[in-house]
């Protein structure tokens, strides 16, 4: 999957996410973080 676009998962499906040495290399770090936020459950 290309992390420069939408993450291919539904909303609130994961309990945790690890983003290791990726944020600096994507075109829009804000889009990636918003997508991670979207796929994470509350908490």
ModelCIF file with pLDDT and N, C-alpha, C, O atoms, coordinates in Angstrom:
data_MODEL
#
_entry.id   MODEL 
#
_entity.id                         1 
_entity.type                       polymer 
_entity.pdbx_number_of_molecules   1 
#
_entity_poly.entity_id                      1 
_entity_poly.type                           'polypeptide(L)' 
_entity_poly.nstd_linkage                   no 
_entity_poly.nstd_monomer                   no 
_entity_poly.pdbx_seq_one_letter_code       
;(UNK)(UNK)(UNK)(UNK)(UNK)(UNK)(UNK)(UNK)(UNK)(UNK)(UNK)(UNK)(UNK)(UNK)(UNK)(UNK)
(UNK)(UNK)(UNK)(UNK)(UNK)(UNK)(UNK)(UNK)(UNK)(UNK)(UNK)(UNK)(UNK)(UNK)(UNK)(UNK)
(UNK)(UNK)(UNK)(UNK)(UNK)(UNK)(UNK)(UNK)(UNK)(UNK)(UNK)
;
_entity_poly.pdbx_seq_one_letter_code_can   XXXXXXXXXXXXXXXXXXXXXXXXXXXXXXXXXXXXXXXXXXX 
_entity_poly.pdbx_strand_id                 A 
#
loop_
_entity_poly_seq.entity_id 
_entity_poly_seq.num 
_entity_poly_seq.mon_id 
_entity_poly_seq.hetero 
1 1  UNK n 
1 2  UNK n 
1 3  UNK n 
1 4  UNK n 
1 5  UNK n 
1 6  UNK n 
1 7  UNK n 
1 8  UNK n 
1 9  UNK n 
1 10 UNK n 
1 11 UNK n 
1 12 UNK n 
1 13 UNK n 
1 14 UNK n 
1 15 UNK n 
1 16 UNK n 
1 17 UNK n 
1 18 UNK n 
1 19 UNK n 
1 20 UNK n 
1 21 UNK n 
1 22 UNK n 
1 23 UNK n 
1 24 UNK n 
1 25 UNK n 
1 26 UNK n 
1 27 UNK n 
1 28 UNK n 
1 29 UNK n 
1 30 UNK n 
1 31 UNK n 
1 32 UNK n 
1 33 UNK n 
1 34 UNK n 
1 35 UNK n 
1 36 UNK n 
1 37 UNK n 
1 38 UNK n 
1 39 UNK n 
1 40 UNK n 
1 41 UNK n 
1 42 UNK n 
1 43 UNK n 
#
_struct_asym.id          A 
_struct_asym.entity_id   1 
#
loop_
_ma_qa_metric.id 
_ma_qa_metric.mode 
_ma_qa_metric.name 
_ma_qa_metric.software_group_id 
_ma_qa_metric.type 
1 global pLDDT . pLDDT 
2 local  pLDDT . pLDDT 
#
_ma_qa_metric_global.metric_id      1 
_ma_qa_metric_global.metric_value   93.44 
_ma_qa_metric_global.model_id       1 
_ma_qa_metric_global.ordinal_id     1 
#
loop_
_ma_qa_metric_local.label_asym_id 
_ma_qa_metric_local.label_comp_id 
_ma_qa_metric_local.label_seq_id 
_ma_qa_metric_local.metric_id 
_ma_qa_metric_local.metric_value 
_ma_qa_metric_local.model_id 
_ma_qa_metric_local.ordinal_id 
A UNK 1  2 92.00 1 1  
A UNK 2  2 92.00 1 2  
A UNK 3  2 91.00 1 3  
A UNK 4  2 91.00 1 4  
A UNK 5  2 90.00 1 5  
A UNK 6  2 91.00 1 6  
A UNK 7  2 91.00 1 7  
A UNK 8  2 92.00 1 8  
A UNK 9  2 94.00 1 9  
A UNK 10 2 95.00 1 10 
A UNK 11 2 97.00 1 11 
A UNK 12 2 96.00 1 12 
A UNK 13 2 95.00 1 13 
A UNK 14 2 95.00 1 14 
A UNK 15 2 95.00 1 15 
A UNK 16 2 95.00 1 16 
A UNK 17 2 95.00 1 17 
A UNK 18 2 93.00 1 18 
A UNK 19 2 93.00 1 19 
A UNK 20 2 90.00 1 20 
A UNK 21 2 88.00 1 21 
A UNK 22 2 90.00 1 22 
A UNK 23 2 90.00 1 23 
A UNK 24 2 87.00 1 24 
A UNK 25 2 86.00 1 25 
A UNK 26 2 90.00 1 26 
A UNK 27 2 90.00 1 27 
A UNK 28 2 93.00 1 28 
A UNK 29 2 94.00 1 29 
A UNK 30 2 95.00 1 30 
A UNK 31 2 95.00 1 31 
A UNK 32 2 95.00 1 32 
A UNK 33 2 96.00 1 33 
A UNK 34 2 97.00 1 34 
A UNK 35 2 96.00 1 35 
A UNK 36 2 96.00 1 36 
A UNK 37 2 97.00 1 37 
A UNK 38 2 97.00 1 38 
A UNK 39 2 96.00 1 39 
A UNK 40 2 97.00 1 40 
A UNK 41 2 96.00 1 41 
A UNK 42 2 97.00 1 42 
A UNK 43 2 97.00 1 43 
#
loop_
_atom_site.group_PDB 
_atom_site.id 
_atom_site.type_symbol 
_atom_site.label_atom_id 
_atom_site.label_alt_id 
_atom_site.label_comp_id 
_atom_site.label_asym_id 
_atom_site.label_entity_id 
_atom_site.label_seq_id 
_atom_site.pdbx_PDB_ins_code 
_atom_site.Cartn_x 
_atom_site.Cartn_y 
_atom_site.Cartn_z 
_atom_site.occupancy 
_atom_site.B_iso_or_equiv 
_atom_site.pdbx_formal_charge 
_atom_site.auth_seq_id 
_atom_site.auth_comp_id 
_atom_site.auth_asym_id 
_atom_site.auth_atom_id 
_atom_site.pdbx_PDB_model_num 
ATOM 1   N N  . UNK A 1 1  ? 0.849   -1.186 0.000  1.00 92.00 ? 1  UNK A N  1 
ATOM 2   C CA . UNK A 1 1  ? 0.000   0.000  0.000  1.00 92.00 ? 1  UNK A CA 1 
ATOM 3   C C  . UNK A 1 1  ? 0.886   1.239  0.000  1.00 92.00 ? 1  UNK A C  1 
ATOM 4   O O  . UNK A 1 1  ? 1.987   1.228  0.551  1.00 92.00 ? 1  UNK A O  1 
ATOM 5   N N  . UNK A 1 2  ? 0.405   2.281  -0.610 1.00 92.00 ? 2  UNK A N  1 
ATOM 6   C CA . UNK A 1 2  ? 1.124   3.545  -0.671 1.00 92.00 ? 2  UNK A CA 1 
ATOM 7   C C  . UNK A 1 2  ? 0.658   4.425  0.490  1.00 92.00 ? 2  UNK A C  1 
ATOM 8   O O  . UNK A 1 2  ? -0.513  4.796  0.567  1.00 92.00 ? 2  UNK A O  1 
ATOM 9   N N  . UNK A 1 3  ? 1.571   4.748  1.372  1.00 91.00 ? 3  UNK A N  1 
ATOM 10  C CA . UNK A 1 3  ? 1.219   5.554  2.544  1.00 91.00 ? 3  UNK A CA 1 
ATOM 11  C C  . UNK A 1 3  ? 1.046   7.030  2.212  1.00 91.00 ? 3  UNK A C  1 
ATOM 12  O O  . UNK A 1 3  ? 0.783   7.842  3.098  1.00 91.00 ? 3  UNK A O  1 
ATOM 13  N N  . UNK A 1 4  ? 1.194   7.377  0.938  1.00 91.00 ? 4  UNK A N  1 
ATOM 14  C CA . UNK A 1 4  ? 0.924   8.739  0.502  1.00 91.00 ? 4  UNK A CA 1 
ATOM 15  C C  . UNK A 1 4  ? -0.554  8.941  0.177  1.00 91.00 ? 4  UNK A C  1 
ATOM 16  O O  . UNK A 1 4  ? -0.971  10.038 -0.195 1.00 91.00 ? 4  UNK A O  1 
ATOM 17  N N  . UNK A 1 5  ? -1.334  7.884  0.319  1.00 90.00 ? 5  UNK A N  1 
ATOM 18  C CA . UNK A 1 5  ? -2.777  8.009  0.096  1.00 90.00 ? 5  UNK A CA 1 
ATOM 19  C C  . UNK A 1 5  ? -3.489  7.364  1.283  1.00 90.00 ? 5  UNK A C  1 
ATOM 20  O O  . UNK A 1 5  ? -2.920  7.256  2.369  1.00 90.00 ? 5  UNK A O  1 
ATOM 21  N N  . UNK A 1 6  ? -4.704  6.948  1.078  1.00 91.00 ? 6  UNK A N  1 
ATOM 22  C CA . UNK A 1 6  ? -5.485  6.423  2.190  1.00 91.00 ? 6  UNK A CA 1 
ATOM 23  C C  . UNK A 1 6  ? -5.035  5.018  2.577  1.00 91.00 ? 6  UNK A C  1 
ATOM 24  O O  . UNK A 1 6  ? -4.705  4.205  1.714  1.00 91.00 ? 6  UNK A O  1 
ATOM 25  N N  . UNK A 1 7  ? -5.024  4.741  3.871  1.00 91.00 ? 7  UNK A N  1 
ATOM 26  C CA . UNK A 1 7  ? -4.660  3.416  4.377  1.00 91.00 ? 7  UNK A CA 1 
ATOM 27  C C  . UNK A 1 7  ? -5.827  2.475  4.095  1.00 91.00 ? 7  UNK A C  1 
ATOM 28  O O  . UNK A 1 7  ? -6.971  2.807  4.404  1.00 91.00 ? 7  UNK A O  1 
ATOM 29  N N  . UNK A 1 8  ? -5.558  1.312  3.515  1.00 92.00 ? 8  UNK A N  1 
ATOM 30  C CA . UNK A 1 8  ? -6.642  0.426  3.055  1.00 92.00 ? 8  UNK A CA 1 
ATOM 31  C C  . UNK A 1 8  ? -7.315  -0.396 4.157  1.00 92.00 ? 8  UNK A C  1 
ATOM 32  O O  . UNK A 1 8  ? -7.380  -1.622 4.074  1.00 92.00 ? 8  UNK A O  1 
ATOM 33  N N  . UNK A 1 9  ? -7.813  0.286  5.184  1.00 94.00 ? 9  UNK A N  1 
ATOM 34  C CA . UNK A 1 9  ? -8.532  -0.367 6.276  1.00 94.00 ? 9  UNK A CA 1 
ATOM 35  C C  . UNK A 1 9  ? -9.724  0.494  6.659  1.00 94.00 ? 9  UNK A C  1 
ATOM 36  O O  . UNK A 1 9  ? -9.768  1.686  6.357  1.00 94.00 ? 9  UNK A O  1 
ATOM 37  N N  . UNK A 1 10 ? -10.680 -0.118 7.321  1.00 95.00 ? 10 UNK A N  1 
ATOM 38  C CA . UNK A 1 10 ? -11.848 0.606  7.799  1.00 95.00 ? 10 UNK A CA 1 
ATOM 39  C C  . UNK A 1 10 ? -11.522 1.476  8.997  1.00 95.00 ? 10 UNK A C  1 
ATOM 40  O O  . UNK A 1 10 ? -10.384 1.510  9.465  1.00 95.00 ? 10 UNK A O  1 
ATOM 41  N N  . UNK A 1 11 ? -12.518 2.169  9.481  1.00 97.00 ? 11 UNK A N  1 
ATOM 42  C CA . UNK A 1 11 ? -12.368 3.048  10.640 1.00 97.00 ? 11 UNK A CA 1 
ATOM 43  C C  . UNK A 1 11 ? -12.277 2.229  11.926 1.00 97.00 ? 11 UNK A C  1 
ATOM 44  O O  . UNK A 1 11 ? -12.968 1.223  12.088 1.00 97.00 ? 11 UNK A O  1 
ATOM 45  N N  . UNK A 1 12 ? -11.416 2.676  12.833 1.00 96.00 ? 12 UNK A N  1 
ATOM 46  C CA . UNK A 1 12 ? -11.296 2.153  14.194 1.00 96.00 ? 12 UNK A CA 1 
ATOM 47  C C  . UNK A 1 12 ? -11.170 0.629  14.257 1.00 96.00 ? 12 UNK A C  1 
ATOM 48  O O  . UNK A 1 12 ? -11.928 -0.034 14.964 1.00 96.00 ? 12 UNK A O  1 
ATOM 49  N N  . UNK A 1 13 ? -10.207 0.081  13.513 1.00 95.00 ? 13 UNK A N  1 
ATOM 50  C CA . UNK A 1 13 ? -10.025 -1.374 13.495 1.00 95.00 ? 13 UNK A CA 1 
ATOM 51  C C  . UNK A 1 13 ? -8.774  -1.854 14.236 1.00 95.00 ? 13 UNK A C  1 
ATOM 52  O O  . UNK A 1 13 ? -8.611  -3.057 14.442 1.00 95.00 ? 13 UNK A O  1 
ATOM 53  N N  . UNK A 1 14 ? -7.890  -0.942 14.638 1.00 95.00 ? 14 UNK A N  1 
ATOM 54  C CA . UNK A 1 14 ? -6.647  -1.344 15.287 1.00 95.00 ? 14 UNK A CA 1 
ATOM 55  C C  . UNK A 1 14 ? -6.526  -0.755 16.685 1.00 95.00 ? 14 UNK A C  1 
ATOM 56  O O  . UNK A 1 14 ? -7.004  0.348  16.948 1.00 95.00 ? 14 UNK A O  1 
ATOM 57  N N  . UNK A 1 15 ? -5.885  -1.497 17.576 1.00 95.00 ? 15 UNK A N  1 
ATOM 58  C CA . UNK A 1 15 ? -5.634  -1.026 18.939 1.00 95.00 ? 15 UNK A CA 1 
ATOM 59  C C  . UNK A 1 15 ? -4.332  -0.240 19.037 1.00 95.00 ? 15 UNK A C  1 
ATOM 60  O O  . UNK A 1 15 ? -4.123  0.506  19.993 1.00 95.00 ? 15 UNK A O  1 
ATOM 61  N N  . UNK A 1 16 ? -3.473  -0.403 18.063 1.00 95.00 ? 16 UNK A N  1 
ATOM 62  C CA . UNK A 1 16 ? -2.203  0.301  18.091 1.00 95.00 ? 16 UNK A CA 1 
ATOM 63  C C  . UNK A 1 16 ? -1.604  0.388  16.700 1.00 95.00 ? 16 UNK A C  1 
ATOM 64  O O  . UNK A 1 16 ? -1.948  -0.383 15.804 1.00 95.00 ? 16 UNK A O  1 
ATOM 65  N N  . UNK A 1 17 ? -0.694  1.351  16.541 1.00 95.00 ? 17 UNK A N  1 
ATOM 66  C CA . UNK A 1 17 ? 0.005   1.529  15.273 1.00 95.00 ? 17 UNK A CA 1 
ATOM 67  C C  . UNK A 1 17 ? 1.441   1.935  15.559 1.00 95.00 ? 17 UNK A C  1 
ATOM 68  O O  . UNK A 1 17 ? 1.705   2.750  16.442 1.00 95.00 ? 17 UNK A O  1 
ATOM 69  N N  . UNK A 1 18 ? 2.359   1.360  14.808 1.00 93.00 ? 18 UNK A N  1 
ATOM 70  C CA . UNK A 1 18 ? 3.766   1.736  14.891 1.00 93.00 ? 18 UNK A CA 1 
ATOM 71  C C  . UNK A 1 18 ? 4.170   2.323  13.549 1.00 93.00 ? 18 UNK A C  1 
ATOM 72  O O  . UNK A 1 18 ? 3.964   1.710  12.502 1.00 93.00 ? 18 UNK A O  1 
ATOM 73  N N  . UNK A 1 19 ? 4.734   3.490  13.590 1.00 93.00 ? 19 UNK A N  1 
ATOM 74  C CA . UNK A 1 19 ? 5.182   4.193  12.387 1.00 93.00 ? 19 UNK A CA 1 
ATOM 75  C C  . UNK A 1 19 ? 6.661   4.502  12.601 1.00 93.00 ? 19 UNK A C  1 
ATOM 76  O O  . UNK A 1 19 ? 7.016   5.504  13.222 1.00 93.00 ? 19 UNK A O  1 
ATOM 77  N N  . UNK A 1 20 ? 7.510   3.631  12.078 1.00 90.00 ? 20 UNK A N  1 
ATOM 78  C CA . UNK A 1 20 ? 8.938   3.712  12.371 1.00 90.00 ? 20 UNK A CA 1 
ATOM 79  C C  . UNK A 1 20 ? 9.708   4.203  11.142 1.00 90.00 ? 20 UNK A C  1 
ATOM 80  O O  . UNK A 1 20 ? 9.762   3.523  10.118 1.00 90.00 ? 20 UNK A O  1 
ATOM 81  N N  . UNK A 1 21 ? 10.295  5.380  11.260 1.00 88.00 ? 21 UNK A N  1 
ATOM 82  C CA . UNK A 1 21 ? 11.101  5.989  10.196 1.00 88.00 ? 21 UNK A CA 1 
ATOM 83  C C  . UNK A 1 21 ? 10.384  6.001  8.849  1.00 88.00 ? 21 UNK A C  1 
ATOM 84  O O  . UNK A 1 21 ? 10.947  5.620  7.822  1.00 88.00 ? 21 UNK A O  1 
ATOM 85  N N  . UNK A 1 22 ? 9.132   6.445  8.879  1.00 90.00 ? 22 UNK A N  1 
ATOM 86  C CA . UNK A 1 22 ? 8.314   6.547  7.671  1.00 90.00 ? 22 UNK A CA 1 
ATOM 87  C C  . UNK A 1 22 ? 7.835   7.989  7.481  1.00 90.00 ? 22 UNK A C  1 
ATOM 88  O O  . UNK A 1 22 ? 7.806   8.486  6.355  1.00 90.00 ? 22 UNK A O  1 
ATOM 89  N N  . UNK A 1 23 ? 7.468   8.646  8.548  1.00 90.00 ? 23 UNK A N  1 
ATOM 90  C CA . UNK A 1 23 ? 6.816   9.952  8.475  1.00 90.00 ? 23 UNK A CA 1 
ATOM 91  C C  . UNK A 1 23 ? 7.631   10.956 7.657  1.00 90.00 ? 23 UNK A C  1 
ATOM 92  O O  . UNK A 1 23 ? 7.057   11.738 6.899  1.00 90.00 ? 23 UNK A O  1 
ATOM 93  N N  . UNK A 1 24 ? 8.929   10.945 7.795  1.00 87.00 ? 24 UNK A N  1 
ATOM 94  C CA . UNK A 1 24 ? 9.765   11.924 7.096  1.00 87.00 ? 24 UNK A CA 1 
ATOM 95  C C  . UNK A 1 24 ? 9.779   11.707 5.587  1.00 87.00 ? 24 UNK A C  1 
ATOM 96  O O  . UNK A 1 24 ? 10.107  12.623 4.833  1.00 87.00 ? 24 UNK A O  1 
ATOM 97  N N  . UNK A 1 25 ? 9.424   10.501 5.139  1.00 86.00 ? 25 UNK A N  1 
ATOM 98  C CA . UNK A 1 25 ? 9.557   10.158 3.730  1.00 86.00 ? 25 UNK A CA 1 
ATOM 99  C C  . UNK A 1 25 ? 8.265   10.259 2.928  1.00 86.00 ? 25 UNK A C  1 
ATOM 100 O O  . UNK A 1 25 ? 8.303   10.161 1.702  1.00 86.00 ? 25 UNK A O  1 
ATOM 101 N N  . UNK A 1 26 ? 7.128   10.451 3.584  1.00 90.00 ? 26 UNK A N  1 
ATOM 102 C CA . UNK A 1 26 ? 5.871   10.560 2.841  1.00 90.00 ? 26 UNK A CA 1 
ATOM 103 C C  . UNK A 1 26 ? 5.683   12.003 2.365  1.00 90.00 ? 26 UNK A C  1 
ATOM 104 O O  . UNK A 1 26 ? 6.276   12.934 2.909  1.00 90.00 ? 26 UNK A O  1 
ATOM 105 N N  . UNK A 1 27 ? 4.850   12.164 1.342  1.00 90.00 ? 27 UNK A N  1 
ATOM 106 C CA . UNK A 1 27 ? 4.626   13.498 0.778  1.00 90.00 ? 27 UNK A CA 1 
ATOM 107 C C  . UNK A 1 27 ? 3.891   14.407 1.753  1.00 90.00 ? 27 UNK A C  1 
ATOM 108 O O  . UNK A 1 27 ? 4.196   15.594 1.864  1.00 90.00 ? 27 UNK A O  1 
ATOM 109 N N  . UNK A 1 28 ? 2.912   13.831 2.462  1.00 93.00 ? 28 UNK A N  1 
ATOM 110 C CA . UNK A 1 28 ? 2.107   14.621 3.393  1.00 93.00 ? 28 UNK A CA 1 
ATOM 111 C C  . UNK A 1 28 ? 2.040   13.908 4.744  1.00 93.00 ? 28 UNK A C  1 
ATOM 112 O O  . UNK A 1 28 ? 1.175   13.058 4.956  1.00 93.00 ? 28 UNK A O  1 
ATOM 113 N N  . UNK A 1 29 ? 2.940   14.247 5.644  1.00 94.00 ? 29 UNK A N  1 
ATOM 114 C CA . UNK A 1 29 ? 2.905   13.624 6.969  1.00 94.00 ? 29 UNK A CA 1 
ATOM 115 C C  . UNK A 1 29 ? 1.565   13.793 7.673  1.00 94.00 ? 29 UNK A C  1 
ATOM 116 O O  . UNK A 1 29 ? 1.141   12.907 8.415  1.00 94.00 ? 29 UNK A O  1 
ATOM 117 N N  . UNK A 1 30 ? 0.895   14.917 7.450  1.00 95.00 ? 30 UNK A N  1 
ATOM 118 C CA . UNK A 1 30 ? -0.401  15.142 8.095  1.00 95.00 ? 30 UNK A CA 1 
ATOM 119 C C  . UNK A 1 30 ? -1.434  14.133 7.604  1.00 95.00 ? 30 UNK A C  1 
ATOM 120 O O  . UNK A 1 30 ? -2.235  13.642 8.399  1.00 95.00 ? 30 UNK A O  1 
ATOM 121 N N  . UNK A 1 31 ? -1.433  13.815 6.314  1.00 95.00 ? 31 UNK A N  1 
ATOM 122 C CA . UNK A 1 31 ? -2.388  12.836 5.786  1.00 95.00 ? 31 UNK A CA 1 
ATOM 123 C C  . UNK A 1 31 ? -2.139  11.461 6.398  1.00 95.00 ? 31 UNK A C  1 
ATOM 124 O O  . UNK A 1 31 ? -3.086  10.772 6.777  1.00 95.00 ? 31 UNK A O  1 
ATOM 125 N N  . UNK A 1 32 ? -0.877  11.058 6.498  1.00 95.00 ? 32 UNK A N  1 
ATOM 126 C CA . UNK A 1 32 ? -0.573  9.754  7.093  1.00 95.00 ? 32 UNK A CA 1 
ATOM 127 C C  . UNK A 1 32 ? -1.034  9.702  8.548  1.00 95.00 ? 32 UNK A C  1 
ATOM 128 O O  . UNK A 1 32 ? -1.656  8.723  8.961  1.00 95.00 ? 32 UNK A O  1 
ATOM 129 N N  . UNK A 1 33 ? -0.741  10.731 9.324  1.00 96.00 ? 33 UNK A N  1 
ATOM 130 C CA . UNK A 1 33 ? -1.153  10.721 10.733 1.00 96.00 ? 33 UNK A CA 1 
ATOM 131 C C  . UNK A 1 33 ? -2.668  10.754 10.884 1.00 96.00 ? 33 UNK A C  1 
ATOM 132 O O  . UNK A 1 33 ? -3.210  10.118 11.788 1.00 96.00 ? 33 UNK A O  1 
ATOM 133 N N  . UNK A 1 34 ? -3.354  11.480 10.022 1.00 97.00 ? 34 UNK A N  1 
ATOM 134 C CA . UNK A 1 34 ? -4.825  11.493 10.074 1.00 97.00 ? 34 UNK A CA 1 
ATOM 135 C C  . UNK A 1 34 ? -5.388  10.119 9.726  1.00 97.00 ? 34 UNK A C  1 
ATOM 136 O O  . UNK A 1 34 ? -6.391  9.693  10.298 1.00 97.00 ? 34 UNK A O  1 
ATOM 137 N N  . UNK A 1 35 ? -4.745  9.429  8.791  1.00 96.00 ? 35 UNK A N  1 
ATOM 138 C CA . UNK A 1 35 ? -5.184  8.089  8.422  1.00 96.00 ? 35 UNK A CA 1 
ATOM 139 C C  . UNK A 1 35 ? -4.928  7.088  9.547  1.00 96.00 ? 35 UNK A C  1 
ATOM 140 O O  . UNK A 1 35 ? -5.756  6.215  9.807  1.00 96.00 ? 35 UNK A O  1 
ATOM 141 N N  . UNK A 1 36 ? -3.789  7.216  10.207 1.00 96.00 ? 36 UNK A N  1 
ATOM 142 C CA . UNK A 1 36 ? -3.512  6.353  11.355 1.00 96.00 ? 36 UNK A CA 1 
ATOM 143 C C  . UNK A 1 36 ? -4.544  6.623  12.448 1.00 96.00 ? 36 UNK A C  1 
ATOM 144 O O  . UNK A 1 36 ? -5.057  5.694  13.072 1.00 96.00 ? 36 UNK A O  1 
ATOM 145 N N  . UNK A 1 37 ? -4.838  7.885  12.671 1.00 97.00 ? 37 UNK A N  1 
ATOM 146 C CA . UNK A 1 37 ? -5.855  8.260  13.659 1.00 97.00 ? 37 UNK A CA 1 
ATOM 147 C C  . UNK A 1 37 ? -7.198  7.622  13.300 1.00 97.00 ? 37 UNK A C  1 
ATOM 148 O O  . UNK A 1 37 ? -7.895  7.114  14.179 1.00 97.00 ? 37 UNK A O  1 
ATOM 149 N N  . UNK A 1 38 ? -7.562  7.646  12.033 1.00 97.00 ? 38 UNK A N  1 
ATOM 150 C CA . UNK A 1 38 ? -8.839  7.093  11.575 1.00 97.00 ? 38 UNK A CA 1 
ATOM 151 C C  . UNK A 1 38 ? -8.935  5.591  11.826 1.00 97.00 ? 38 UNK A C  1 
ATOM 152 O O  . UNK A 1 38 ? -9.987  5.105  12.243 1.00 97.00 ? 38 UNK A O  1 
ATOM 153 N N  . UNK A 1 39 ? -7.858  4.850  11.580 1.00 96.00 ? 39 UNK A N  1 
ATOM 154 C CA . UNK A 1 39 ? -7.934  3.382  11.703 1.00 96.00 ? 39 UNK A CA 1 
ATOM 155 C C  . UNK A 1 39 ? -7.751  2.898  13.134 1.00 96.00 ? 39 UNK A C  1 
ATOM 156 O O  . UNK A 1 39 ? -7.968  1.720  13.416 1.00 96.00 ? 39 UNK A O  1 
ATOM 157 N N  . UNK A 1 40 ? -7.353  3.793  14.051 1.00 97.00 ? 40 UNK A N  1 
ATOM 158 C CA . UNK A 1 40 ? -7.192  3.403  15.458 1.00 97.00 ? 40 UNK A CA 1 
ATOM 159 C C  . UNK A 1 40 ? -8.516  3.494  16.201 1.00 97.00 ? 40 UNK A C  1 
ATOM 160 O O  . UNK A 1 40 ? -9.322  4.394  15.965 1.00 97.00 ? 40 UNK A O  1 
ATOM 161 N N  . UNK A 1 41 ? -8.723  2.541  17.106 1.00 96.00 ? 41 UNK A N  1 
ATOM 162 C CA . UNK A 1 41 ? -9.865  2.594  18.016 1.00 96.00 ? 41 UNK A CA 1 
ATOM 163 C C  . UNK A 1 41 ? -9.662  3.748  18.995 1.00 96.00 ? 41 UNK A C  1 
ATOM 164 O O  . UNK A 1 41 ? -8.546  4.240  19.159 1.00 96.00 ? 41 UNK A O  1 
ATOM 165 N N  . UNK A 1 42 ? -10.739 4.174  19.643 1.00 97.00 ? 42 UNK A N  1 
ATOM 166 C CA . UNK A 1 42 ? -10.619 5.153  20.718 1.00 97.00 ? 42 UNK A CA 1 
ATOM 167 C C  . UNK A 1 42 ? -9.714  4.533  21.789 1.00 97.00 ? 42 UNK A C  1 
ATOM 168 O O  . UNK A 1 42 ? -9.923  3.390  22.196 1.00 97.00 ? 42 UNK A O  1 
ATOM 169 N N  . UNK A 1 43 ? -8.733  5.274  22.231 1.00 97.00 ? 43 UNK A N  1 
ATOM 170 C CA . UNK A 1 43 ? -7.775  4.766  23.206 1.00 97.00 ? 43 UNK A CA 1 
ATOM 171 C C  . UNK A 1 43 ? -6.615  4.027  22.552 1.00 97.00 ? 43 UNK A C  1 
ATOM 172 O O  . UNK A 1 43 ? -5.723  3.539  23.247 1.00 97.00 ? 43 UNK A O  1 
#
